[in-house]
C-alpha atoms as a PDB file:
ATOM      1  CA  MET A   1      -2.134  17.252  -2.319  1.00  0.00           C
ATOM      2  CA  MET A   2      -5.897  17.927  -1.018  1.00  0.00           C
ATOM      3  CA  THR A   3      -7.968  16.087   2.443  1.00  0.00           C
ATOM      4  CA  CYS A   4     -10.860  14.189   1.592  1.00  0.00           C
ATOM      5  CA  SER A   5     -12.581  16.950   3.499  1.00  0.00           C
ATOM      6  CA  ALA A   6     -11.750  19.175   0.511  1.00  0.00           C
ATOM      7  CA  VAL A   7     -13.090  17.310  -2.165  1.00  0.00           C
ATOM      8  CA  GLY A   8     -16.563  18.049  -1.530  1.00  0.00           C
ATOM      9  CA  TRP A   9     -18.284  14.509  -1.467  1.00  0.00           C
ATOM     10  CA  GLU A  10     -21.148  13.844  -0.595  1.00  0.00           C
ATOM     11  CA  GLU A  11     -22.213  11.684   2.377  1.00  0.00           C
ATOM     12  CA  THR A  12     -23.442   8.940   2.164  1.00  0.00           C
ATOM     13  CA  ALA A  13     -27.127   7.245   3.808  1.00  0.00           C
ATOM     14  CA  PRO A  14     -26.728   6.054   7.340  1.00  0.00           C
ATOM     15  CA  PHE A  15     -25.467   1.916   7.610  1.00  0.00           C
ATOM     16  CA  GLU A  16     -25.071  -0.811   9.428  1.00  0.00           C
ATOM     17  CA  LEU A  17     -22.310  -2.904   9.874  1.00  0.00           C
ATOM     18  CA  LYS A  18     -23.239  -6.424  11.506  1.00  0.00           C
ATOM     19  CA  VAL A  19     -19.542  -8.839  12.629  1.00  0.00           C
ATOM     20  CA  VAL A  20     -20.492 -12.164  11.974  1.00  0.00           C
ATOM     21  CA  GLN A  21     -17.842 -15.343  13.000  1.00  0.00           C
ATOM     22  CA  VAL A  22     -17.547 -17.429   9.656  1.00  0.00           C
ATOM     23  CA  THR A  23     -14.700 -19.736  11.448  1.00  0.00           C
ATOM     24  CA  SER A  24     -14.019 -21.270  14.782  1.00  0.00           C
ATOM     25  CA  GLY A  25     -11.904 -24.739  15.591  1.00  0.00           C
ATOM     26  CA  GLU A  26      -8.381 -25.078  17.066  1.00  0.00           C
ATOM     27  CA  LYS A  27      -6.349 -24.325  13.480  1.00  0.00           C
ATOM     28  CA  HIS A  28      -6.208 -20.298  12.776  1.00  0.00           C
ATOM     29  CA  HIS A  29      -8.189 -18.891   9.489  1.00  0.00           C
ATOM     30  CA  PHE A  30      -7.201 -15.828   7.683  1.00  0.00           C
ATOM     31  CA  PHE A  31      -7.035 -14.120   4.403  1.00  0.00           C
ATOM     32  CA  ALA A  32      -4.006 -11.953   5.319  1.00  0.00           C
ATOM     33  CA  TYR A  33      -3.838  -8.361   2.951  1.00  0.00           C
ATOM     34  CA  ILE A  34      -7.358  -7.112   2.149  1.00  0.00           C
ATOM     35  CA  GLY A  35      -8.027  -3.915   0.033  1.00  0.00           C
ATOM     36  CA  HIS A  36      -4.497  -3.736  -1.634  1.00  0.00           C
ATOM     37  CA  CYS A  37      -5.347  -3.643  -5.662  1.00  0.00           C
ATOM     38  CA  GLN A  38      -8.343  -5.528  -5.505  1.00  0.00           C
ATOM     39  CA  THR A  39      -7.063  -8.440  -2.585  1.00  0.00           C
ATOM     40  CA  ILE A  40     -10.173  -8.753  -1.906  1.00  0.00           C
ATOM     41  CA  PRO A  41     -11.502 -12.854   0.033  1.00  0.00           C
ATOM     42  CA  TRP A  42     -14.918 -12.519  -1.646  1.00  0.00           C
ATOM     43  CA  ASN A  43     -15.728 -14.275  -5.416  1.00  0.00           C
ATOM     44  CA  ALA A  44     -18.043 -12.199  -7.929  1.00  0.00           C
ATOM     45  CA  SER A  45     -20.990 -13.103  -6.651  1.00  0.00           C
ATOM     46  CA  GLY A  46     -19.980 -12.852  -2.692  1.00  0.00           C
ATOM     47  CA  ARG A  47     -20.662 -16.336  -2.132  1.00  0.00           C
ATOM     48  CA  TYR A  48     -17.632 -18.087  -1.458  1.00  0.00           C
ATOM     49  CA  ILE A  49     -14.302 -16.308   1.207  1.00  0.00           C
ATOM     50  CA  LEU A  50     -11.137 -16.900   0.137  1.00  0.00           C
ATOM     51  CA  GLY A  51      -8.585 -17.984   3.047  1.00  0.00           C
ATOM     52  CA  MET A  52      -6.129 -20.373   4.147  1.00  0.00           C
ATOM     53  CA  GLU A  53      -5.943 -22.422   7.643  1.00  0.00           C
ATOM     54  CA  ILE A  54      -2.612 -23.191   9.158  1.00  0.00           C
ATOM     55  CA  GLY A  55      -1.836 -24.119  12.532  1.00  0.00           C
ATOM     56  CA  VAL A  56       0.925 -21.559  13.808  1.00  0.00           C
ATOM     57  CA  ILE A  57       0.451 -17.635  13.449  1.00  0.00           C
ATOM     58  CA  ASP A  58       2.887 -16.272  15.989  1.00  0.00           C
ATOM     59  CA  ARG A  59       6.112 -16.837  13.748  1.00  0.00           C
ATOM     60  CA  MET A  60       7.110 -17.301  10.437  1.00  0.00           C
ATOM     61  CA  PRO A  61       6.546 -20.775   8.634  1.00  0.00           C
ATOM     62  CA  LYS A  62       8.899 -23.422   8.115  1.00  0.00           C
ATOM     63  CA  PRO A  63       9.403 -24.510   4.389  1.00  0.00           C
ATOM     64  CA  ASP A  64       7.573 -27.811   4.912  1.00  0.00           C
ATOM     65  CA  GLU A  65       4.675 -25.752   6.954  1.00  0.00           C
ATOM     66  CA  ALA A  66       2.374 -25.702   4.216  1.00  0.00           C
ATOM     67  CA  ALA A  67      -1.261 -23.723   4.598  1.00  0.00           C
ATOM     68  CA  THR A  68      -4.861 -25.410   3.511  1.00  0.00           C
ATOM     69  CA  ILE A  69      -6.318 -23.052   0.608  1.00  0.00           C
ATOM     70  CA  ILE A  70      -9.988 -23.279   1.575  1.00  0.00           C
ATOM     71  CA  LEU A  71     -13.138 -21.699   1.055  1.00  0.00           C
ATOM     72  CA  ILE A  72     -15.939 -20.560   3.085  1.00  0.00           C
ATOM     73  CA  ASP A  73     -19.325 -21.238   1.559  1.00  0.00           C
ATOM     74  CA  THR A  74     -22.012 -18.739   2.754  1.00  0.00           C
ATOM     75  CA  LYS A  75     -24.699 -20.092   1.314  1.00  0.00           C
ATOM     76  CA  HIS A  76     -23.953 -23.258   3.206  1.00  0.00           C
ATOM     77  CA  ASP A  77     -23.750 -22.489   6.964  1.00  0.00           C
ATOM     78  CA  ASN A  78     -20.136 -21.156   6.286  1.00  0.00           C
ATOM     79  CA  LYS A  79     -18.923 -24.994   5.266  1.00  0.00           C
ATOM     80  CA  ILE A  80     -15.412 -24.592   4.825  1.00  0.00           C
ATOM     81  CA  ILE A  81     -14.072 -26.355   1.336  1.00  0.00           C
ATOM     82  CA  ARG A  82     -10.244 -27.497   1.665  1.00  0.00           C
ATOM     83  CA  LEU A  83      -9.417 -27.135  -1.742  1.00  0.00           C
ATOM     84  CA  ASP A  84      -5.370 -27.306  -2.115  1.00  0.00           C
ATOM     85  CA  LYS A  85      -2.374 -26.542   0.052  1.00  0.00           C
ATOM     86  CA  THR A  86       0.531 -23.827  -0.337  1.00  0.00           C
ATOM     87  CA  HIS A  87       3.851 -23.701   0.456  1.00  0.00           C
ATOM     88  CA  ALA A  88       4.311 -20.082  -0.074  1.00  0.00           C
ATOM     89  CA  TRP A  89       2.631 -17.690   2.496  1.00  0.00           C
ATOM     90  CA  ASN A  90       3.689 -15.616   5.344  1.00  0.00           C
ATOM     91  CA  PRO A  91       1.342 -14.240   8.241  1.00  0.00           C
ATOM     92  CA  GLN A  92       1.437 -10.737   6.673  1.00  0.00           C
ATOM     93  CA  GLN A  93       0.293 -11.271   3.278  1.00  0.00           C
ATOM     94  CA  GLY A  94      -0.791 -14.936   3.326  1.00  0.00           C
ATOM     95  CA  THR A  95       0.169 -16.437  -0.398  1.00  0.00           C
ATOM     96  CA  MET A  96      -0.919 -13.048  -2.233  1.00  0.00           C
ATOM     97  CA  PHE A  97      -4.916 -14.339  -2.969  1.00  0.00           C
ATOM     98  CA  TYR A  98      -6.250 -12.424  -6.498  1.00  0.00           C
ATOM     99  CA  TRP A  99      -9.229 -13.677  -7.489  1.00  0.00           C
ATOM    100  CA  ASN A 100      -8.511 -13.610 -11.592  1.00  0.00           C
ATOM    101  CA  PRO A 101     -11.067 -10.447 -12.579  1.00  0.00           C
ATOM    102  CA  GLN A 102     -11.216 -11.690 -16.110  1.00  0.00           C
ATOM    103  CA  ALA A 103     -13.548 -14.775 -13.654  1.00  0.00           C
ATOM    104  CA  ALA A 104     -13.845 -14.219 -10.514  1.00  0.00           C
ATOM    105  CA  GLU A 105     -16.770 -15.877 -10.318  1.00  0.00           C
ATOM    106  CA  THR A 106     -14.482 -19.320 -10.172  1.00  0.00           C
ATOM    107  CA  GLN A 107     -10.878 -18.693 -10.380  1.00  0.00           C
ATOM    108  CA  PHE A 108      -8.307 -17.355  -8.191  1.00  0.00           C
ATOM    109  CA  PHE A 109      -4.399 -16.619  -7.862  1.00  0.00           C
ATOM    110  CA  PHE A 110      -1.910 -17.790  -4.959  1.00  0.00           C
ATOM    111  CA  ASN A 111       1.882 -18.555  -4.979  1.00  0.00           C
ATOM    112  CA  ASP A 112       3.200 -21.754  -4.209  1.00  0.00           C
ATOM    113  CA  ARG A 113       7.202 -23.209  -4.087  1.00  0.00           C
ATOM    114  CA  ASP A 114       8.445 -26.133  -5.218  1.00  0.00           C
ATOM    115  CA  LEU A 115       9.987 -28.209  -1.532  1.00  0.00           C
ATOM    116  CA  LYS A 116      12.373 -29.734  -4.181  1.00  0.00           C
ATOM    117  CA  THR A 117      14.396 -26.809  -5.430  1.00  0.00           C
ATOM    118  CA  GLY A 118      12.811 -24.226  -3.442  1.00  0.00           C
ATOM    119  CA  HIS A 119      11.535 -22.266  -6.533  1.00  0.00           C
ATOM    120  CA  VAL A 120       8.698 -19.928  -5.941  1.00  0.00           C
ATOM    121  CA  PHE A 121       5.860 -19.925  -8.692  1.00  0.00           C
ATOM    122  CA  THR A 122       2.421 -18.546  -9.345  1.00  0.00           C
ATOM    123  CA  VAL A 123      -0.656 -21.237  -9.882  1.00  0.00           C
ATOM    124  CA  LEU A 124      -4.170 -20.278 -11.434  1.00  0.00           C
ATOM    125  CA  TYR A 125      -6.851 -22.431  -9.558  1.00  0.00           C
ATOM    126  CA  ASP A 126     -10.724 -23.270 -10.570  1.00  0.00           C
ATOM    127  CA  ILE A 127     -12.848 -23.844  -8.222  1.00  0.00           C
ATOM    128  CA  GLU A 128     -15.657 -25.846 -10.351  1.00  0.00           C
ATOM    129  CA  THR A 129     -12.696 -28.100 -11.578  1.00  0.00           C
ATOM    130  CA  ARG A 130     -11.143 -27.962  -7.980  1.00  0.00           C
ATOM    131  CA  MET A 131      -7.872 -28.112 -10.265  1.00  0.00           C
ATOM    132  CA  ARG A 132      -5.071 -26.331 -10.900  1.00  0.00           C
ATOM    133  CA  ILE A 133      -5.503 -24.905 -14.268  1.00  0.00           C
ATOM    134  CA  ARG A 134      -1.947 -23.435 -14.826  1.00  0.00           C
ATOM    135  CA  GLU A 135       1.438 -22.760 -13.075  1.00  0.00           C
ATOM    136  CA  TYR A 136       3.741 -20.161 -13.629  1.00  0.00           C
ATOM    137  CA  ARG A 137       7.074 -21.477 -13.421  1.00  0.00           C
ATOM    138  CA  ASP A 138      10.499 -19.720 -14.109  1.00  0.00           C
ATOM    139  CA  GLU A 139      13.891 -22.648 -13.953  1.00  0.00           C
ATOM    140  CA  ASP A 140      16.362 -19.305 -14.135  1.00  0.00           C
ATOM    141  CA  ALA A 141      14.628 -16.845 -12.387  1.00  0.00           C
ATOM    142  CA  PRO A 142      11.750 -17.821 -10.555  1.00  0.00           C
ATOM    143  CA  ILE A 143       9.113 -15.165  -8.961  1.00  0.00           C
ATOM    144  CA  GLY A 144       5.885 -15.328  -7.370  1.00  0.00           C
ATOM    145  CA  ASN A 145       2.501 -13.110  -7.788  1.00  0.00           C
ATOM    146  CA  GLY A 146       2.753  -9.464  -6.548  1.00  0.00           C
ATOM    147  CA  GLY A 147      -0.230  -7.852  -7.974  1.00  0.00           C
ATOM    148  CA  VAL A 148      -2.670  -8.715 -10.715  1.00  0.00           C
ATOM    149  CA  ALA A 149      -4.212  -5.674 -13.370  1.00  0.00           C
ATOM    150  CA  GLN A 150      -7.475  -4.941 -11.838  1.00  0.00           C
ATOM    151  CA  LYS A 151      -8.843  -5.156 -15.642  1.00  0.00           C
ATOM    152  CA  GLY A 152      -6.444  -8.865 -15.727  1.00  0.00           C
ATOM    153  CA  GLY A 153      -5.058 -10.411 -18.230  1.00  0.00           C
ATOM    154  CA  SER A 154      -1.200 -10.101 -16.669  1.00  0.00           C
ATOM    155  CA  PHE A 155       0.082  -9.812 -13.291  1.00  0.00           C
ATOM    156  CA  LEU A 156       3.207  -8.104 -11.252  1.00  0.00           C
ATOM    157  CA  GLY A 157       6.124 -10.792 -10.558  1.00  0.00           C
ATOM    158  CA  ILE A 158       8.490 -10.040  -7.843  1.00  0.00           C
ATOM    159  CA  ASN A 159      11.711 -12.136  -6.232  1.00  0.00           C
ATOM    160  CA  TYR A 160      10.367 -13.699  -3.106  1.00  0.00           C
ATOM    161  CA  GLY A 161      13.508 -15.326  -1.888  1.00  0.00           C
ATOM    162  CA  ARG A 162      15.507 -11.535  -2.255  1.00  0.00           C
ATOM    163  CA  LEU A 163      12.329 -10.667   0.058  1.00  0.00           C
ATOM    164  CA  ALA A 164      12.917 -13.280   2.752  1.00  0.00           C
ATOM    165  CA  ARG A 165      16.629 -12.173   3.206  1.00  0.00           C
ATOM    166  CA  LEU A 166      16.027  -8.778   2.517  1.00  0.00           C
ATOM    167  CA  ARG A 167      12.983  -8.375   4.870  1.00  0.00           C
ATOM    168  CA  LEU A 168      11.536 -11.444   6.039  1.00  0.00           C
ATOM    169  CA  VAL A 169       8.237 -10.685   7.013  1.00  0.00           C
ATOM    170  CA  THR A 170       7.232  -9.884   3.201  1.00  0.00           C
ATOM    171  CA  GLY A 171       8.642 -13.038   1.995  1.00  0.00           C
ATOM    172  CA  TYR A 172       9.227 -16.904   1.804  1.00  0.00           C
ATOM    173  CA  PRO A 173      11.797 -18.145   4.028  1.00  0.00           C
ATOM    174  CA  ASP A 174      14.549 -19.963   2.432  1.00  0.00           C
ATOM    175  CA  VAL A 175      13.011 -20.106  -0.954  1.00  0.00           C
ATOM    176  CA  LEU A 176      15.483 -19.545  -4.411  1.00  0.00           C
ATOM    177  CA  ASP A 177      17.357 -15.901  -4.426  1.00  0.00           C
ATOM    178  CA  TRP A 178      18.558 -16.207  -7.477  1.00  0.00           C
ATOM    179  CA  SER A 179      20.163 -12.335  -7.301  1.00  0.00           C
ATOM    180  CA  LYS A 180      21.460 -12.502  -4.090  1.00  0.00           C
ATOM    181  CA  ASN A 181      24.539 -12.009  -5.308  1.00  0.00           C
ATOM    182  CA  ASP A 182      23.993  -8.214  -6.408  1.00  0.00           C
ATOM    183  CA  ASN A 183      23.265  -5.101  -4.710  1.00  0.00           C
ATOM    184  CA  ALA A 184      21.025  -3.862  -8.317  1.00  0.00           C
ATOM    185  CA  PRO A 185      20.773  -6.850 -10.458  1.00  0.00           C
ATOM    186  CA  ASN A 186      20.224  -5.945 -14.288  1.00  0.00           C
ATOM    187  CA  ASP A 187      17.754  -8.773 -14.597  1.00  0.00           C
ATOM    188  CA  ASP A 188      15.574  -8.717 -11.039  1.00  0.00           C
ATOM    189  CA  GLY A 189      12.651  -6.271 -10.209  1.00  0.00           C
ATOM    190  CA  ILE A 190       9.081  -6.213 -11.033  1.00  0.00           C
ATOM    191  CA  PHE A 191       8.249  -8.361 -14.224  1.00  0.00           C
ATOM    192  CA  VAL A 192       5.055  -8.342 -15.844  1.00  0.00           C
ATOM    193  CA  VAL A 193       3.720 -11.904 -16.914  1.00  0.00           C
ATOM    194  CA  ASP A 194       1.315 -12.651 -19.497  1.00  0.00           C
ATOM    195  CA  VAL A 195      -1.535 -14.639 -17.751  1.00  0.00           C
ATOM    196  CA  LYS A 196      -2.721 -16.088 -21.301  1.00  0.00           C
ATOM    197  CA  THR A 197       0.986 -17.290 -22.535  1.00  0.00           C
ATOM    198  CA  GLY A 198       3.083 -17.237 -19.582  1.00  0.00           C
ATOM    199  CA  GLY A 199       5.413 -15.585 -20.899  1.00  0.00           C
ATOM    200  CA  ARG A 200       7.223 -12.266 -18.982  1.00  0.00           C
ATOM    201  CA  ARG A 201       9.238  -9.045 -19.131  1.00  0.00           C
ATOM    202  CA  LEU A 202      10.938  -7.296 -17.005  1.00  0.00           C
ATOM    203  CA  LEU A 203       9.050  -4.025 -16.835  1.00  0.00           C
ATOM    204  CA  VAL A 204      12.045  -2.344 -14.012  1.00  0.00           C
ATOM    205  CA  SER A 205      15.554  -3.443 -13.104  1.00  0.00           C
ATOM    206  CA  TYR A 206      17.160  -3.095  -9.476  1.00  0.00           C
ATOM    207  CA  ARG A 207      19.819  -1.562 -11.274  1.00  0.00           C
ATOM    208  CA  GLN A 208      17.811   1.026 -13.400  1.00  0.00           C
ATOM    209  CA  LEU A 209      16.403   2.189  -9.381  1.00  0.00           C
ATOM    210  CA  ALA A 210      19.947   2.256  -8.291  1.00  0.00           C
ATOM    211  CA  GLU A 211      20.878   4.740 -10.530  1.00  0.00           C
ATOM    212  CA  LYS A 212      18.091   7.004  -9.964  1.00  0.00           C
ATOM    213  CA  LEU A 213      18.296   6.600  -6.634  1.00  0.00           C
ATOM    214  CA  ARG A 214      22.010   7.815  -7.021  1.00  0.00           C
ATOM    215  CA  LYS A 215      21.569  11.405  -6.318  1.00  0.00           C
ATOM    216  CA  ARG A 216      19.457  10.680  -3.271  1.00  0.00           C
ATOM    217  CA  TYR A 217      21.514   8.282  -1.840  1.00  0.00           C
ATOM    218  CA  PRO A 218      25.205   8.093  -3.486  1.00  0.00           C
ATOM    219  CA  ASP A 219      25.961   5.144  -1.176  1.00  0.00           C
ATOM    220  CA  VAL A 220      23.419   3.307  -2.995  1.00  0.00           C
ATOM    221  CA  ASP A 221      26.028   0.890  -4.223  1.00  0.00           C
ATOM    222  CA  ASP A 222      26.537  -0.573  -0.824  1.00  0.00           C
ATOM    223  CA  THR A 223      22.632  -1.233  -0.534  1.00  0.00           C
ATOM    224  CA  ALA A 224      21.149  -3.904  -1.244  1.00  0.00           C
ATOM    225  CA  LEU A 225      17.282  -3.194  -2.458  1.00  0.00           C
ATOM    226  CA  PHE A 226      14.413  -4.627  -2.702  1.00  0.00           C
ATOM    227  CA  ILE A 227      10.947  -3.605  -3.414  1.00  0.00           C
ATOM    228  CA  ASN A 228       7.340  -4.130  -1.672  1.00  0.00           C
ATOM    229  CA  HIS A 229       4.024  -3.454  -2.705  1.00  0.00           C
ATOM    230  CA  THR A 230       3.777  -3.270  -6.330  1.00  0.00           C
ATOM    231  CA  LEU A 231       0.354  -1.727  -7.071  1.00  0.00           C
ATOM    232  CA  TRP A 232      -1.386  -1.345 -10.484  1.00  0.00           C
ATOM    233  CA  ASN A 233      -3.895   1.316 -11.178  1.00  0.00           C
ATOM    234  CA  ARG A 234      -7.506   0.848 -11.864  1.00  0.00           C
ATOM    235  CA  THR A 235      -6.791   1.383 -15.606  1.00  0.00           C
ATOM    236  CA  GLY A 236      -3.715  -0.713 -15.985  1.00  0.00           C
ATOM    237  CA  ASP A 237      -1.225   1.779 -17.634  1.00  0.00           C
ATOM    238  CA  ARG A 238       0.559   2.536 -14.187  1.00  0.00           C
ATOM    239  CA  VAL A 239       2.279   1.047 -11.573  1.00  0.00           C
ATOM    240  CA  TYR A 240       2.836   2.415  -7.705  1.00  0.00           C
ATOM    241  CA  PHE A 241       5.921   0.391  -5.944  1.00  0.00           C
ATOM    242  CA  PHE A 242       8.463   1.055  -2.873  1.00  0.00           C
ATOM    243  CA  VAL A 243      12.011   0.847  -3.311  1.00  0.00           C
ATOM    244  CA  ARG A 244      13.521  -0.156  -0.329  1.00  0.00           C
ATOM    245  CA  GLY A 245      16.840  -0.864   1.966  1.00  0.00           C
ATOM    246  CA  ASN A 246      18.589  -0.993   4.551  1.00  0.00           C
ATOM    247  CA  TRP A 247      15.399  -1.858   6.421  1.00  0.00           C
ATOM    248  CA  ASP A 248      17.314  -4.437   9.262  1.00  0.00           C
ATOM    249  CA  ARG A 249      20.095  -3.270   9.354  1.00  0.00           C
ATOM    250  CA  GLN A 250      22.630  -0.241  10.199  1.00  0.00           C
ATOM    251  CA  GLY A 251      23.204   2.344   7.727  1.00  0.00           C
ATOM    252  CA  THR A 252      20.858   5.011   5.824  1.00  0.00           C
ATOM    253  CA  LYS A 253      17.399   3.622   5.208  1.00  0.00           C
ATOM    254  CA  ILE A 254      15.754   3.792   2.330  1.00  0.00           C
ATOM    255  CA  ASN A 255      12.034   4.325   1.713  1.00  0.00           C
ATOM    256  CA  THR A 256      11.117   5.687  -1.806  1.00  0.00           C
ATOM    257  CA  PRO A 257       7.640   5.511  -3.343  1.00  0.00           C
ATOM    258  CA  CYS A 258       7.941   5.014  -7.641  1.00  0.00           C
ATOM    259  CA  SER A 259       6.057   4.693 -10.461  1.00  0.00           C
ATOM    260  CA  ILE A 260       6.172   3.661 -13.867  1.00  0.00           C
ATOM    261  CA  HIS A 261       4.030   3.343 -17.237  1.00  0.00           C
ATOM    262  CA  ILE A 262       3.311   0.001 -17.756  1.00  0.00           C
ATOM    263  CA  ASP A 263       5.295  -0.182 -21.254  1.00  0.00           C
ATOM    264  CA  GLY A 264       8.994   0.626 -18.826  1.00  0.00           C
ATOM    265  CA  THR A 265       8.828   4.472 -19.339  1.00  0.00           C
ATOM    266  CA  ALA A 266       7.938   7.328 -17.112  1.00  0.00           C
ATOM    267  CA  LEU A 267       9.999   5.905 -13.917  1.00  0.00           C
ATOM    268  CA  THR A 268       9.829   8.353 -11.414  1.00  0.00           C
ATOM    269  CA  LEU A 269      11.005   8.842  -7.563  1.00  0.00           C
ATOM    270  CA  HIS A 270       8.020  10.913  -5.970  1.00  0.00           C
ATOM    271  CA  ASP A 271       8.619  12.865  -2.857  1.00  0.00           C
ATOM    272  CA  MET A 272       6.439  12.452  -0.719  1.00  0.00           C
ATOM    273  CA  HIS A 273       5.519   9.562   1.113  1.00  0.00           C
ATOM    274  CA  ILE A 274       1.729   8.881   1.761  1.00  0.00           C
ATOM    275  CA  GLY A 275       2.084   5.477   3.886  1.00  0.00           C
ATOM    276  CA  GLY A 276       2.546   1.780   3.732  1.00  0.00           C
ATOM    277  CA  HIS A 277      -0.672   0.840   2.311  1.00  0.00           C
ATOM    278  CA  PRO A 278      -2.314   3.230  -0.344  1.00  0.00           C
ATOM    279  CA  GLU A 279      -4.576   2.658  -2.454  1.00  0.00           C
ATOM    280  CA  TRP A 280      -5.538   3.806  -6.434  1.00  0.00           C
ATOM    281  CA  ALA A 281      -8.135   6.045  -6.527  1.00  0.00           C
ATOM    282  CA  GLU A 282      -9.522   6.617 -10.414  1.00  0.00           C
ATOM    283  CA  GLY A 283      -7.418   7.845 -12.928  1.00  0.00           C
ATOM    284  CA  HIS A 284      -4.082   8.235 -11.678  1.00  0.00           C
ATOM    285  CA  LEU A 285      -4.783   9.411  -8.195  1.00  0.00           C
ATOM    286  CA  LEU A 286      -3.371   7.895  -5.062  1.00  0.00           C
ATOM    287  CA  ILE A 287      -5.569   7.334  -1.922  1.00  0.00           C
ATOM    288  CA  GLY A 288      -2.824   7.973   1.590  1.00  0.00           C
ATOM    289  CA  GLN A 289      -2.289   9.262   4.161  1.00  0.00           C
ATOM    290  CA  ARG A 290      -0.517  12.268   5.683  1.00  0.00           C
ATOM    291  CA  LYS A 291      -0.229  12.962   9.676  1.00  0.00           C
ATOM    292  CA  GLU A 292      -4.117  12.499  10.293  1.00  0.00           C
ATOM    293  CA  ASN A 293      -5.550  13.330   6.946  1.00  0.00           C
ATOM    294  CA  GLN A 294      -6.427  11.068   4.096  1.00  0.00           C
ATOM    295  CA  ILE A 295      -5.455  12.545   1.423  1.00  0.00           C
ATOM    296  CA  LEU A 296      -5.525  12.300  -2.504  1.00  0.00           C
END
C-alpha cells in the first residue's frame, strides 16, 4: 500500500473548471454512476451526453414507472433528444449506462425489464439508427449488465432481482429473483456475456464464494449473499467486486472485497477494504481510500 503523495507524480499545469447547467424544466435529469470503470456520460467525441429523464427522484421507482433515455447535444445548445425508455433503473445506479468501447461514438448499453415477465435484460442501442440493435435475454436466469470490459467485447451480468431483495437501492423493484430460494446458489453469481454472440458463462458462483467465506464467517450458510460493484480492470484479465450479506438485517454483516481472473481462476478474498467505490489504475493496481488518504 502507498499513498498518492509517495508515488512521486508530477504536478499538472493549472487549469480552471467551469460549471454549466445543461438541462432545465420540471423533470429530473441525471446519469447516475460516473467514473466507475468507464461509466461516463460522454460519447467518444464529447458531443453527446447520455442521461435519463424522470418525474420522481426521492424514492425507488415502481415497476411501471419508466425513465426516458436522453441525449444532450452539446453542439446544438444542449438540445435534449429523447431516444427510448427503460423500466430497469434506480436513483443510485441509473440503468448502468456504458458506451460500447468498440463503438463509443454511437452505441451504448443500458438495462431494461419485460413488464409481463419481470425479466431483466441488457440492451445495446445505436444513436445513428435510433434503434435497439440487440437485446441480451435469458428466460431461465435473467441478468443485467453490471460492468462492460474496458476494451469491449464482453460485459459482466448479475441478478438484479436478488439485489432488489437484499439491498434494494442497487436493484430494480419487483423484477424476477430466480435464485431467491438459495442463500448461496451454485447457478447464480457473476456471469460473463459475449457482446457479439450473446453467449454467457458463469464466472463465479455464490456457492464458491460461501465456501471461501466459511473460515471468516462460520455461519455463512445462514446468510443470503449478494454482489455489488463488478469492476473490470483496464487490461480485461481481472474483475474486482464485493460479496455482501446481512446488509439491512441483524446478524454479522459481510462486506468482503474479492478479485478473480477472467478465466475463473485465482478467486481471492482481500483483507483490506479500500472504500466502496474503488477504481482500477494501470495493470493490477486499484485506486482507493484509507482513512483520509487516497491509496494504490
